[in-house]
C-alpha atoms as a PDB file:
ATOM      1  CA  MET A   1       0.000   0.000   0.000  1.00  0.00           C
ATOM      2  CA  PRO A   2       1.454   3.365  -0.974  1.00  0.00           C
ATOM      3  CA  ALA A   3       2.656   5.443   1.895  1.00  0.00           C
ATOM      4  CA  MET A   4       0.122   8.195   1.197  1.00  0.00           C
ATOM      5  CA  LEU A   5      -2.786   5.720   1.218  1.00  0.00           C
ATOM      6  CA  LYS A   6      -1.559   4.243   4.525  1.00  0.00           C
ATOM      7  CA  LYS A   7      -1.478   7.724   6.006  1.00  0.00           C
ATOM      8  CA  ILE A   8      -5.028   8.466   4.828  1.00  0.00           C
ATOM      9  CA  CYS A   9      -6.340   5.163   6.273  1.00  0.00           C
ATOM     10  CA  LEU A  10      -4.623   5.869   9.585  1.00  0.00           C
ATOM     11  CA  LEU A  11      -6.183   9.323   9.747  1.00  0.00           C
ATOM     12  CA  LEU A  12      -9.652   7.916   8.942  1.00  0.00           C
ATOM     13  CA  ALA A  13      -9.302   5.254  11.650  1.00  0.00           C
ATOM     14  CA  CYS A  14      -8.320   7.860  14.205  1.00  0.00           C
ATOM     15  CA  ALA A  15     -11.214  10.077  13.148  1.00  0.00           C
ATOM     16  CA  ILE A  16     -13.700   7.202  13.502  1.00  0.00           C
ATOM     17  CA  LEU A  17     -12.261   6.208  16.899  1.00  0.00           C
ATOM     18  CA  PHE A  18     -12.334   9.819  18.136  1.00  0.00           C
ATOM     19  CA  SER A  19     -15.894  10.278  16.866  1.00  0.00           C
ATOM     20  CA  GLY A  20     -16.967   7.131  18.705  1.00  0.00           C
ATOM     21  CA  CYS A  21     -15.443   8.448  21.913  1.00  0.00           C
ATOM     22  CA  LEU A  22     -17.309  11.724  21.535  1.00  0.00           C
ATOM     23  CA  ASN A  23     -20.596   9.873  21.124  1.00  0.00           C
ATOM     24  CA  GLN A  24     -20.154   7.877  24.320  1.00  0.00           C
ATOM     25  CA  PRO A  25     -22.518   8.870  27.215  1.00  0.00           C
ATOM     26  CA  GLN A  26     -20.865  11.581  29.280  1.00  0.00           C
ATOM     27  CA  ALA A  27     -21.267  11.892  33.049  1.00  0.00           C
ATOM     28  CA  ASN A  28     -23.599  14.793  33.858  1.00  0.00           C
ATOM     29  CA  THR A  29     -22.411  16.125  37.169  1.00  0.00           C
ATOM     30  CA  ASN A  30     -25.512  18.304  37.472  1.00  0.00           C
ATOM     31  CA  SER A  31     -28.180  15.715  36.684  1.00  0.00           C
ATOM     32  CA  GLN A  32     -28.243  13.983  40.065  1.00  0.00           C
ATOM     33  CA  GLN A  33     -25.848  16.038  42.156  1.00  0.00           C
ATOM     34  CA  ILE A  34     -27.702  18.286  44.603  1.00  0.00           C
ATOM     35  CA  PHE A  35     -24.702  19.273  46.697  1.00  0.00           C
ATOM     36  CA  ASN A  36     -23.681  22.905  46.530  1.00  0.00           C
ATOM     37  CA  ALA A  37     -21.456  24.357  49.245  1.00  0.00           C
ATOM     38  CA  ASN A  38     -23.198  27.709  48.833  1.00  0.00           C
ATOM     39  CA  ARG A  39     -26.596  26.308  49.792  1.00  0.00           C
ATOM     40  CA  VAL A  40     -26.573  27.396  53.424  1.00  0.00           C
ATOM     41  CA  LEU A  41     -30.184  28.527  53.902  1.00  0.00           C
ATOM     42  CA  LEU A  42     -32.757  25.931  54.965  1.00  0.00           C
ATOM     43  CA  TYR A  43     -36.481  26.714  54.949  1.00  0.00           C
ATOM     44  CA  ILE A  44     -39.944  25.154  54.744  1.00  0.00           C
ATOM     45  CA  GLN A  45     -42.122  25.454  51.643  1.00  0.00           C
ATOM     46  CA  ASP A  46     -45.340  23.503  51.013  1.00  0.00           C
ATOM     47  CA  GLY A  47     -44.427  21.031  53.751  1.00  0.00           C
ATOM     48  CA  GLN A  48     -40.995  20.265  52.259  1.00  0.00           C
ATOM     49  CA  ILE A  49     -37.496  21.221  53.420  1.00  0.00           C
ATOM     50  CA  TYR A  50     -35.408  23.165  50.921  1.00  0.00           C
ATOM     51  CA  ALA A  51     -31.793  24.324  50.830  1.00  0.00           C
ATOM     52  CA  ALA A  52     -30.839  27.451  48.907  1.00  0.00           C
ATOM     53  CA  GLU A  53     -28.043  29.957  48.574  1.00  0.00           C
ATOM     54  CA  GLU A  54     -28.024  33.003  50.870  1.00  0.00           C
ATOM     55  CA  ASP A  55     -30.052  35.023  48.385  1.00  0.00           C
ATOM     56  CA  GLY A  56     -32.668  32.285  47.991  1.00  0.00           C
ATOM     57  CA  GLN A  57     -31.335  31.141  44.609  1.00  0.00           C
ATOM     58  CA  ASP A  58     -30.700  27.588  43.382  1.00  0.00           C
ATOM     59  CA  PRO A  59     -33.116  25.844  45.809  1.00  0.00           C
ATOM     60  CA  VAL A  60     -33.242  22.072  46.083  1.00  0.00           C
ATOM     61  CA  ASN A  61     -35.710  19.820  47.926  1.00  0.00           C
ATOM     62  CA  VAL A  62     -33.744  17.929  50.581  1.00  0.00           C
ATOM     63  CA  SER A  63     -36.697  16.119  52.222  1.00  0.00           C
ATOM     64  CA  ASN A  64     -38.243  14.992  48.927  1.00  0.00           C
ATOM     65  CA  ASN A  65     -41.117  12.932  50.312  1.00  0.00           C
ATOM     66  CA  ASN A  66     -44.909  13.016  50.499  1.00  0.00           C
ATOM     67  CA  LYS A  67     -44.944  13.841  54.217  1.00  0.00           C
ATOM     68  CA  GLU A  68     -45.224  17.020  56.251  1.00  0.00           C
ATOM     69  CA  ASN A  69     -41.675  18.120  57.113  1.00  0.00           C
ATOM     70  CA  PHE A  70     -40.476  20.660  59.678  1.00  0.00           C
ATOM     71  CA  SER A  71     -37.716  21.630  62.163  1.00  0.00           C
ATOM     72  CA  PRO A  72     -34.715  21.579  59.782  1.00  0.00           C
ATOM     73  CA  VAL A  73     -31.259  22.011  61.309  1.00  0.00           C
ATOM     74  CA  TRP A  74     -27.762  21.796  59.814  1.00  0.00           C
ATOM     75  CA  ILE A  75     -25.295  19.162  60.970  1.00  0.00           C
ATOM     76  CA  THR A  76     -22.648  20.385  58.541  1.00  0.00           C
ATOM     77  CA  LYS A  77     -23.676  23.629  56.899  1.00  0.00           C
ATOM     78  CA  GLY A  78     -24.390  23.176  53.211  1.00  0.00           C
ATOM     79  CA  ALA A  79     -23.744  19.431  53.351  1.00  0.00           C
ATOM     80  CA  GLU A  80     -25.789  17.518  55.945  1.00  0.00           C
ATOM     81  CA  ALA A  81     -29.096  18.305  57.631  1.00  0.00           C
ATOM     82  CA  LEU A  82     -31.684  16.928  60.046  1.00  0.00           C
ATOM     83  CA  PHE A  83     -35.438  17.341  59.842  1.00  0.00           C
ATOM     84  CA  ILE A  84     -38.680  15.873  61.188  1.00  0.00           C
ATOM     85  CA  ALA A  85     -41.269  14.240  58.938  1.00  0.00           C
ATOM     86  CA  LYS A  86     -44.885  13.584  59.932  1.00  0.00           C
ATOM     87  CA  GLN A  87     -47.380  11.221  58.327  1.00  0.00           C
ATOM     88  CA  ASN A  88     -50.542   9.686  59.791  1.00  0.00           C
ATOM     89  CA  GLU A  89     -49.747  11.076  63.265  1.00  0.00           C
ATOM     90  CA  TYR A  90     -46.348   9.345  63.241  1.00  0.00           C
ATOM     91  CA  TYR A  91     -43.103  11.328  63.481  1.00  0.00           C
ATOM     92  CA  GLU A  92     -39.695  10.459  62.045  1.00  0.00           C
ATOM     93  CA  VAL A  93     -36.331  12.178  62.533  1.00  0.00           C
ATOM     94  CA  TRP A  94     -34.252  11.996  59.348  1.00  0.00           C
ATOM     95  CA  GLN A  95     -30.638  12.764  58.567  1.00  0.00           C
ATOM     96  CA  THR A  96     -29.808  13.577  54.938  1.00  0.00           C
ATOM     97  CA  ASN A  97     -26.529  14.184  53.150  1.00  0.00           C
ATOM     98  CA  LEU A  98     -26.820  16.678  50.301  1.00  0.00           C
ATOM     99  CA  GLU A  99     -23.537  15.551  48.776  1.00  0.00           C
ATOM    100  CA  SER A 100     -24.149  11.810  48.613  1.00  0.00           C
ATOM    101  CA  GLU A 101     -27.960  12.058  48.719  1.00  0.00           C
ATOM    102  CA  ASP A 102     -27.968   9.365  51.404  1.00  0.00           C
ATOM    103  CA  THR A 103     -30.907   9.598  53.807  1.00  0.00           C
ATOM    104  CA  GLN A 104     -31.001   7.850  57.171  1.00  0.00           C
ATOM    105  CA  LEU A 105     -33.871   7.402  59.616  1.00  0.00           C
ATOM    106  CA  LEU A 106     -32.619   8.112  63.137  1.00  0.00           C
ATOM    107  CA  TRP A 107     -35.819   7.181  64.954  1.00  0.00           C
ATOM    108  CA  GLY A 108     -39.601   7.288  64.771  1.00  0.00           C
ATOM    109  CA  SER A 109     -42.264   7.935  67.393  1.00  0.00           C
ATOM    110  CA  LYS A 110     -45.972   8.527  67.884  1.00  0.00           C
ATOM    111  CA  LYS A 111     -44.982  11.489  70.068  1.00  0.00           C
ATOM    112  CA  GLU A 112     -43.959  14.738  68.408  1.00  0.00           C
ATOM    113  CA  PRO A 113     -40.298  15.636  69.065  1.00  0.00           C
ATOM    114  CA  ASN A 114     -39.449  19.317  69.319  1.00  0.00           C
ATOM    115  CA  LEU A 115     -36.748  21.698  70.501  1.00  0.00           C
ATOM    116  CA  ILE A 116     -34.130  19.978  68.349  1.00  0.00           C
ATOM    117  CA  ALA A 117     -30.706  21.419  69.216  1.00  0.00           C
ATOM    118  CA  LEU A 118     -27.414  19.945  68.074  1.00  0.00           C
ATOM    119  CA  SER A 119     -24.228  20.057  70.155  1.00  0.00           C
ATOM    120  CA  PRO A 120     -21.295  21.999  68.650  1.00  0.00           C
ATOM    121  CA  ASP A 121     -19.428  18.740  67.972  1.00  0.00           C
ATOM    122  CA  ASN A 122     -22.517  17.417  66.099  1.00  0.00           C
ATOM    123  CA  LEU A 123     -22.572  14.272  68.253  1.00  0.00           C
ATOM    124  CA  TRP A 124     -25.451  14.969  70.614  1.00  0.00           C
ATOM    125  CA  LEU A 125     -28.979  15.820  69.565  1.00  0.00           C
ATOM    126  CA  THR A 126     -31.277  17.152  72.283  1.00  0.00           C
ATOM    127  CA  TYR A 127     -35.030  17.106  71.920  1.00  0.00           C
ATOM    128  CA  ALA A 128     -38.188  17.168  73.978  1.00  0.00           C
ATOM    129  CA  GLU A 129     -41.414  15.275  73.587  1.00  0.00           C
ATOM    130  CA  GLU A 130     -44.358  14.403  75.760  1.00  0.00           C
ATOM    131  CA  GLY A 131     -42.958  12.702  78.828  1.00  0.00           C
ATOM    132  CA  GLY A 132     -39.438  14.047  78.900  1.00  0.00           C
ATOM    133  CA  CYS A 133     -36.385  15.718  77.488  1.00  0.00           C
ATOM    134  CA  PHE A 134     -33.785  13.506  75.819  1.00  0.00           C
ATOM    135  CA  LEU A 135     -30.150  13.406  74.747  1.00  0.00           C
ATOM    136  CA  PHE A 136     -29.611  11.340  71.583  1.00  0.00           C
ATOM    137  CA  ASN A 137     -26.152  10.038  70.658  1.00  0.00           C
ATOM    138  CA  LYS A 138     -25.975  10.097  66.857  1.00  0.00           C
ATOM    139  CA  GLU A 139     -23.110   7.599  66.665  1.00  0.00           C
ATOM    140  CA  GLU A 140     -24.466   5.023  69.092  1.00  0.00           C
ATOM    141  CA  LYS A 141     -28.108   5.637  68.094  1.00  0.00           C
ATOM    142  CA  ASN A 142     -29.440   5.687  71.644  1.00  0.00           C
ATOM    143  CA  ALA A 143     -31.295   8.240  73.734  1.00  0.00           C
ATOM    144  CA  THR A 144     -31.020   9.143  77.416  1.00  0.00           C
ATOM    145  CA  ARG A 145     -33.667  11.015  79.373  1.00  0.00           C
ATOM    146  CA  ILE A 146     -32.128  14.132  80.905  1.00  0.00           C
ATOM    147  CA  SER A 147     -35.240  15.634  82.475  1.00  0.00           C
ATOM    148  CA  GLU A 148     -38.918  14.964  83.029  1.00  0.00           C
ATOM    149  CA  GLU A 149     -39.660  18.359  81.505  1.00  0.00           C
ATOM    150  CA  CYS A 150     -37.674  20.564  79.167  1.00  0.00           C
ATOM    151  CA  ASN A 151     -39.253  23.790  77.941  1.00  0.00           C
ATOM    152  CA  PHE A 152     -36.121  25.117  76.238  1.00  0.00           C
ATOM    153  CA  LEU A 153     -32.540  23.926  75.805  1.00  0.00           C
ATOM    154  CA  SER A 154     -29.382  25.681  74.617  1.00  0.00           C
ATOM    155  CA  TRP A 155     -25.821  24.447  74.019  1.00  0.00           C
ATOM    156  CA  ALA A 156     -22.629  26.297  74.888  1.00  0.00           C
ATOM    157  CA  HIS A 157     -20.455  27.309  71.952  1.00  0.00           C
ATOM    158  CA  LYS A 158     -17.220  25.481  72.852  1.00  0.00           C
ATOM    159  CA  LYS A 159     -17.639  23.672  76.146  1.00  0.00           C
ATOM    160  CA  LYS A 160     -19.666  20.470  76.199  1.00  0.00           C
ATOM    161  CA  ARG A 161     -22.349  22.072  78.316  1.00  0.00           C
ATOM    162  CA  PHE A 162     -26.026  22.867  77.994  1.00  0.00           C
ATOM    163  CA  VAL A 163     -28.741  24.637  79.965  1.00  0.00           C
ATOM    164  CA  TYR A 164     -32.452  23.961  80.020  1.00  0.00           C
ATOM    165  CA  ILE A 165     -35.630  25.193  81.697  1.00  0.00           C
ATOM    166  CA  SER A 166     -37.713  22.849  83.807  1.00  0.00           C
ATOM    167  CA  GLU A 167     -40.599  24.098  85.955  1.00  0.00           C
ATOM    168  CA  ASP A 168     -39.409  27.729  86.051  1.00  0.00           C
ATOM    169  CA  LYS A 169     -35.882  26.676  87.003  1.00  0.00           C
ATOM    170  CA  LEU A 170     -32.726  26.868  84.925  1.00  0.00           C
ATOM    171  CA  PHE A 171     -30.333  23.920  85.087  1.00  0.00           C
ATOM    172  CA  VAL A 172     -26.866  23.347  83.668  1.00  0.00           C
ATOM    173  CA  ARG A 173     -25.203  20.026  82.841  1.00  0.00           C
ATOM    174  CA  ASP A 174     -21.651  19.319  81.659  1.00  0.00           C
ATOM    175  CA  PHE A 175     -19.788  16.450  80.039  1.00  0.00           C
ATOM    176  CA  ASN A 176     -16.501  15.353  81.565  1.00  0.00           C
ATOM    177  CA  ILE A 177     -13.467  14.172  79.636  1.00  0.00           C
ATOM    178  CA  LYS A 178     -14.944  10.653  79.474  1.00  0.00           C
ATOM    179  CA  GLN A 179     -18.157  12.025  77.938  1.00  0.00           C
ATOM    180  CA  ASP A 180     -20.092  11.243  81.124  1.00  0.00           C
ATOM    181  CA  LEU A 181     -22.881  13.701  81.862  1.00  0.00           C
ATOM    182  CA  SER A 182     -22.914  15.513  85.191  1.00  0.00           C
ATOM    183  CA  GLU A 183     -25.930  15.684  87.460  1.00  0.00           C
ATOM    184  CA  PRO A 184     -28.208  18.706  86.858  1.00  0.00           C
ATOM    185  CA  LYS A 185     -27.223  21.853  88.740  1.00  0.00           C
ATOM    186  CA  GLU A 186     -29.850  24.517  89.396  1.00  0.00           C
ATOM    187  CA  ILE A 187     -28.448  27.938  88.513  1.00  0.00           C
ATOM    188  CA  TYR A 188     -31.583  30.101  88.539  1.00  0.00           C
ATOM    189  CA  SER A 189     -35.103  29.906  89.921  1.00  0.00           C
ATOM    190  CA  GLY A 190     -37.988  32.036  88.695  1.00  0.00           C
ATOM    191  CA  GLU A 191     -39.866  32.883  85.543  1.00  0.00           C
ATOM    192  CA  LEU A 192     -37.574  33.164  82.513  1.00  0.00           C
ATOM    193  CA  GLN A 193     -37.610  32.609  78.761  1.00  0.00           C
ATOM    194  CA  TYR A 194     -35.179  31.720  75.976  1.00  0.00           C
ATOM    195  CA  PRO A 195     -31.827  31.276  77.777  1.00  0.00           C
ATOM    196  CA  LEU A 196     -28.874  31.475  75.366  1.00  0.00           C
ATOM    197  CA  PHE A 197     -25.111  31.327  75.851  1.00  0.00           C
ATOM    198  CA  LEU A 198     -23.484  34.706  75.322  1.00  0.00           C
ATOM    199  CA  ASP A 199     -20.207  32.914  75.985  1.00  0.00           C
ATOM    200  CA  ASP A 200     -19.488  29.537  77.575  1.00  0.00           C
ATOM    201  CA  ASN A 201     -19.828  30.939  81.097  1.00  0.00           C
ATOM    202  CA  THR A 202     -22.561  33.542  80.627  1.00  0.00           C
ATOM    203  CA  ILE A 203     -26.253  33.088  79.914  1.00  0.00           C
ATOM    204  CA  ILE A 204     -28.707  35.715  78.713  1.00  0.00           C
ATOM    205  CA  PHE A 205     -32.484  35.373  79.092  1.00  0.00           C
ATOM    206  CA  GLU A 206     -35.715  37.344  79.305  1.00  0.00           C
ATOM    207  CA  ALA A 207     -37.406  37.629  82.697  1.00  0.00           C
ATOM    208  CA  PRO A 208     -39.732  39.866  84.765  1.00  0.00           C
ATOM    209  CA  ASP A 209     -38.215  43.033  86.203  1.00  0.00           C
ATOM    210  CA  GLU A 210     -37.792  42.297  89.909  1.00  0.00           C
ATOM    211  CA  ASN A 211     -36.909  45.899  90.773  1.00  0.00           C
ATOM    212  CA  SER A 212     -40.046  47.518  89.384  1.00  0.00           C
ATOM    213  CA  ASP A 213     -43.362  46.231  88.099  1.00  0.00           C
ATOM    214  CA  PRO A 214     -43.126  42.407  87.697  1.00  0.00           C
ATOM    215  CA  ALA A 215     -45.571  42.744  84.782  1.00  0.00           C
ATOM    216  CA  THR A 216     -42.746  44.326  82.813  1.00  0.00           C
ATOM    217  CA  HIS A 217     -39.806  42.361  81.450  1.00  0.00           C
ATOM    218  CA  ASP A 218     -36.176  42.954  80.505  1.00  0.00           C
ATOM    219  CA  ILE A 219     -33.144  41.000  79.313  1.00  0.00           C
ATOM    220  CA  TYR A 220     -30.600  39.773  81.857  1.00  0.00           C
ATOM    221  CA  LYS A 221     -27.266  38.000  81.878  1.00  0.00           C
ATOM    222  CA  LEU A 222     -26.234  35.402  84.428  1.00  0.00           C
ATOM    223  CA  SER A 223     -22.693  34.298  85.230  1.00  0.00           C
ATOM    224  CA  LEU A 224     -22.333  30.542  85.659  1.00  0.00           C
ATOM    225  CA  GLU A 225     -19.179  31.094  87.696  1.00  0.00           C
ATOM    226  CA  ASP A 226     -20.624  33.221  90.515  1.00  0.00           C
ATOM    227  CA  SER A 227     -24.417  33.162  89.784  1.00  0.00           C
ATOM    228  CA  VAL A 228     -24.517  36.970  89.568  1.00  0.00           C
ATOM    229  CA  LYS A 229     -27.531  38.227  87.614  1.00  0.00           C
ATOM    230  CA  THR A 230     -27.216  41.590  85.849  1.00  0.00           C
ATOM    231  CA  ALA A 231     -29.775  43.525  83.824  1.00  0.00           C
ATOM    232  CA  ILE A 232     -28.747  44.241  80.240  1.00  0.00           C
ATOM    233  CA  THR A 233     -31.751  46.411  79.393  1.00  0.00           C
ATOM    234  CA  ASP A 234     -33.968  48.764  81.350  1.00  0.00           C
ATOM    235  CA  LEU A 235     -36.819  49.198  78.902  1.00  0.00           C
ATOM    236  CA  ASN A 236     -39.641  47.498  80.821  1.00  0.00           C
ATOM    237  CA  TRP A 237     -41.297  45.650  77.979  1.00  0.00           C
ATOM    238  CA  PRO A 238     -44.704  44.054  78.622  1.00  0.00           C
ATOM    239  CA  GLY A 239     -44.547  40.342  79.387  1.00  0.00           C
ATOM    240  CA  HIS A 240     -45.187  37.906  76.534  1.00  0.00           C
ATOM    241  CA  GLU A 241     -45.228  34.135  76.233  1.00  0.00           C
ATOM    242  CA  ASN A 242     -43.670  33.857  72.770  1.00  0.00           C
ATOM    243  CA  VAL A 243     -40.326  35.573  73.337  1.00  0.00           C
ATOM    244  CA  ARG A 244     -37.387  34.776  71.061  1.00  0.00           C
ATOM    245  CA  LEU A 245     -33.796  35.994  71.401  1.00  0.00           C
ATOM    246  CA  ALA A 246     -31.093  35.833  68.738  1.00  0.00           C
ATOM    247  CA  ILE A 247     -27.470  36.830  69.389  1.00  0.00           C
ATOM    248  CA  SER A 248     -25.490  38.041  66.384  1.00  0.00           C
ATOM    249  CA  PRO A 249     -22.493  35.853  65.452  1.00  0.00           C
ATOM    250  CA  ASP A 250     -20.108  38.671  66.399  1.00  0.00           C
ATOM    251  CA  LYS A 251     -21.750  38.760  69.887  1.00  0.00           C
ATOM    252  CA  GLU A 252     -22.372  42.501  69.618  1.00  0.00           C
ATOM    253  CA  LYS A 253     -26.148  42.630  69.215  1.00  0.00           C
ATOM    254  CA  ILE A 254     -29.296  40.907  70.456  1.00  0.00           C
ATOM    255  CA  ALA A 255     -32.487  40.687  68.431  1.00  0.00           C
ATOM    256  CA  TYR A 256     -35.456  40.499  70.821  1.00  0.00           C
ATOM    257  CA  SER A 257     -38.758  39.379  69.295  1.00  0.00           C
ATOM    258  CA  PHE A 258     -42.249  39.085  70.736  1.00  0.00           C
ATOM    259  CA  ASP A 259     -45.711  39.222  69.153  1.00  0.00           C
ATOM    260  CA  GLU A 260     -44.169  39.778  65.688  1.00  0.00           C
ATOM    261  CA  GLU A 261     -42.316  42.836  66.992  1.00  0.00           C
ATOM    262  CA  THR A 262     -38.496  42.879  66.918  1.00  0.00           C
ATOM    263  CA  TRP A 263     -36.075  45.139  68.773  1.00  0.00           C
ATOM    264  CA  LEU A 264     -32.345  45.428  68.157  1.00  0.00           C
ATOM    265  CA  ILE A 265     -30.170  45.801  71.283  1.00  0.00           C
ATOM    266  CA  PRO A 266     -26.464  46.699  71.084  1.00  0.00           C
ATOM    267  CA  ILE A 267     -24.932  44.790  74.008  1.00  0.00           C
ATOM    268  CA  ALA A 268     -22.323  47.488  74.701  1.00  0.00           C
ATOM    269  CA  SER A 269     -24.934  50.284  74.513  1.00  0.00           C
ATOM    270  CA  PRO A 270     -28.309  48.737  75.397  1.00  0.00           C
ATOM    271  CA  GLU A 271     -29.852  52.182  75.926  1.00  0.00           C
ATOM    272  CA  LEU A 272     -29.754  52.516  72.123  1.00  0.00           C
ATOM    273  CA  ALA A 273     -32.215  49.645  71.671  1.00  0.00           C
ATOM    274  CA  LYS A 274     -34.817  50.343  69.018  1.00  0.00           C
ATOM    275  CA  GLN A 275     -37.656  48.605  67.260  1.00  0.00           C
ATOM    276  CA  VAL A 276     -36.568  47.482  63.790  1.00  0.00           C
ATOM    277  CA  LEU A 277     -39.299  45.125  62.526  1.00  0.00           C
ATOM    278  CA  THR A 278     -43.032  44.568  62.848  1.00  0.00           C
ATOM    279  CA  LYS A 279     -45.109  41.613  61.683  1.00  0.00           C
ATOM    280  CA  ALA A 280     -41.978  39.469  61.578  1.00  0.00           C
ATOM    281  CA  SER A 281     -41.168  36.061  63.077  1.00  0.00           C
ATOM    282  CA  ASP A 282     -38.498  33.331  62.929  1.00  0.00           C
ATOM    283  CA  LEU A 283     -35.656  35.866  62.889  1.00  0.00           C
ATOM    284  CA  ILE A 284     -32.107  34.557  62.356  1.00  0.00           C
ATOM    285  CA  TRP A 285     -28.864  36.480  61.861  1.00  0.00           C
ATOM    286  CA  ASP A 286     -26.822  36.146  58.700  1.00  0.00           C
ATOM    287  CA  MET A 287     -23.304  34.772  59.086  1.00  0.00           C
ATOM    288  CA  GLU A 288     -21.639  38.198  58.872  1.00  0.00           C
ATOM    289  CA  SER A 289     -23.854  39.826  61.554  1.00  0.00           C
ATOM    290  CA  SER A 290     -24.785  42.439  58.944  1.00  0.00           C
ATOM    291  CA  GLY A 291     -28.497  41.647  58.905  1.00  0.00           C
ATOM    292  CA  TYR A 292     -31.056  38.918  59.338  1.00  0.00           C
ATOM    293  CA  TYR A 293     -33.669  36.734  57.714  1.00  0.00           C
ATOM    294  CA  TYR A 294     -37.258  36.542  58.913  1.00  0.00           C
ATOM    295  CA  THR A 295     -40.736  35.309  57.987  1.00  0.00           C
ATOM    296  CA  ALA A 296     -43.546  37.768  57.223  1.00  0.00           C
ATOM    297  CA  GLU A 297     -47.258  37.039  56.817  1.00  0.00           C
ATOM    298  CA  GLU A 298     -48.793  38.717  53.775  1.00  0.00           C
ATOM    299  CA  VAL A 299     -52.008  38.550  51.741  1.00  0.00           C
ATOM    300  CA  ASP A 300     -51.398  37.596  48.107  1.00  0.00           C
ATOM    301  CA  GLU A 301     -53.267  38.631  44.954  1.00  0.00           C
ATOM    302  CA  ASN A 302     -55.888  35.936  45.637  1.00  0.00           C
ATOM    303  CA  ASN A 303     -56.533  37.375  49.115  1.00  0.00           C
ATOM    304  CA  GLU A 304     -54.930  34.316  50.715  1.00  0.00           C
ATOM    305  CA  LEU A 305     -52.558  34.583  53.656  1.00  0.00           C
ATOM    306  CA  ARG A 306     -49.030  33.558  52.751  1.00  0.00           C
ATOM    307  CA  HIS A 307     -45.695  33.348  54.532  1.00  0.00           C
ATOM    308  CA  ASN A 308     -42.694  34.814  52.733  1.00  0.00           C
ATOM    309  CA  ILE A 309     -39.013  34.975  53.670  1.00  0.00           C
ATOM    310  CA  TYR A 310     -37.279  38.350  53.714  1.00  0.00           C
ATOM    311  CA  ARG A 311     -33.858  39.553  54.638  1.00  0.00           C
ATOM    312  CA  ALA A 312     -32.966  43.002  55.915  1.00  0.00           C
ATOM    313  CA  THR A 313     -29.959  44.949  57.074  1.00  0.00           C
ATOM    314  CA  LYS A 314     -29.399  45.074  60.829  1.00  0.00           C
ATOM    315  CA  ASP A 315     -31.222  48.401  61.179  1.00  0.00           C
ATOM    316  CA  GLY A 316     -34.347  46.812  59.703  1.00  0.00           C
ATOM    317  CA  LEU A 317     -34.004  48.736  56.434  1.00  0.00           C
ATOM    318  CA  ASN A 318     -33.405  47.514  52.890  1.00  0.00           C
ATOM    319  CA  LYS A 319     -35.955  44.719  53.232  1.00  0.00           C
ATOM    320  CA  GLN A 320     -35.736  42.236  50.380  1.00  0.00           C
ATOM    321  CA  LEU A 321     -38.184  39.464  49.533  1.00  0.00           C
ATOM    322  CA  ILE A 322     -36.086  36.427  48.670  1.00  0.00           C
ATOM    323  CA  ILE A 323     -38.482  33.440  48.800  1.00  0.00           C
ATOM    324  CA  ASN A 324     -42.243  33.429  48.210  1.00  0.00           C
ATOM    325  CA  ASN A 325     -44.567  31.078  50.082  1.00  0.00           C
ATOM    326  CA  ALA A 326     -41.906  29.893  52.522  1.00  0.00           C
ATOM    327  CA  GLU A 327     -41.117  30.219  56.233  1.00  0.00           C
ATOM    328  CA  LYS A 328     -38.820  29.380  59.162  1.00  0.00           C
ATOM    329  CA  PRO A 329     -35.378  30.111  57.669  1.00  0.00           C
ATOM    330  CA  VAL A 330     -32.377  28.343  59.210  1.00  0.00           C
ATOM    331  CA  LEU A 331     -28.672  29.022  58.718  1.00  0.00           C
END
């Protein structure tokens, strides 16, 4: 065969081989992959749990079932989440991995679990249900009752420590180096709401003003080292049952919400507290402490009441609707 003909045949063979390779099925990394490290906002929409980017874009359904889902919480932000699913009066706690799309049932119960709070090391899940308050070990898949009653529970940021309310008393419990849990220690007695760790040794909470009219309330801090209680504010708000506190990640500000009314309190200058939002609920700070997300009730064009998710700057201005027909944002 002449050299030129051999060269032409070789080129044709390579072309055919290359064309065949191009026509082979290619892996589509976007067809099944739902993981996106920027999806850090969880929320509820039409009974499903979604994850989206901070601006509400690129949402994905992470519960993806025909049940009623609620109480989402991150295990690893943007990668792994927990949520509760309800169907036929039966409740299930699920763990889902957005990267691998693996979903695992942690436990199920006829009693509704609530107050889900995850320890900073992601090992311990605390929850309450009718008949007690429990500590669930995610690795060993077992639960331990920590109290007969648990109206609210909060974890410390670094220490393996948590506080909880039981019968108008505040208790603290610690883990030792062997992961054994200490006996409950009462650190405060009296009416209080929403205790949170300002730092690992200081709690803030809302309580009646003992020095004036007990019908008025303020925000206090309590040292776990010497049990000294100090008023942060002196604004004498009316008492409410649905109080919510949210400390900014930089620990400089407190958002105080009640009856869909939200006040912003600079911790260093609490006298500058001011009302920043009305008709808002479920407030959470963004990760930079520059503003917050919240749920607002609104009537749509069909005169139906809807929940929408907004975000605003820390002064309550520059409100931006980011997700329609959604509520309870979580970061």
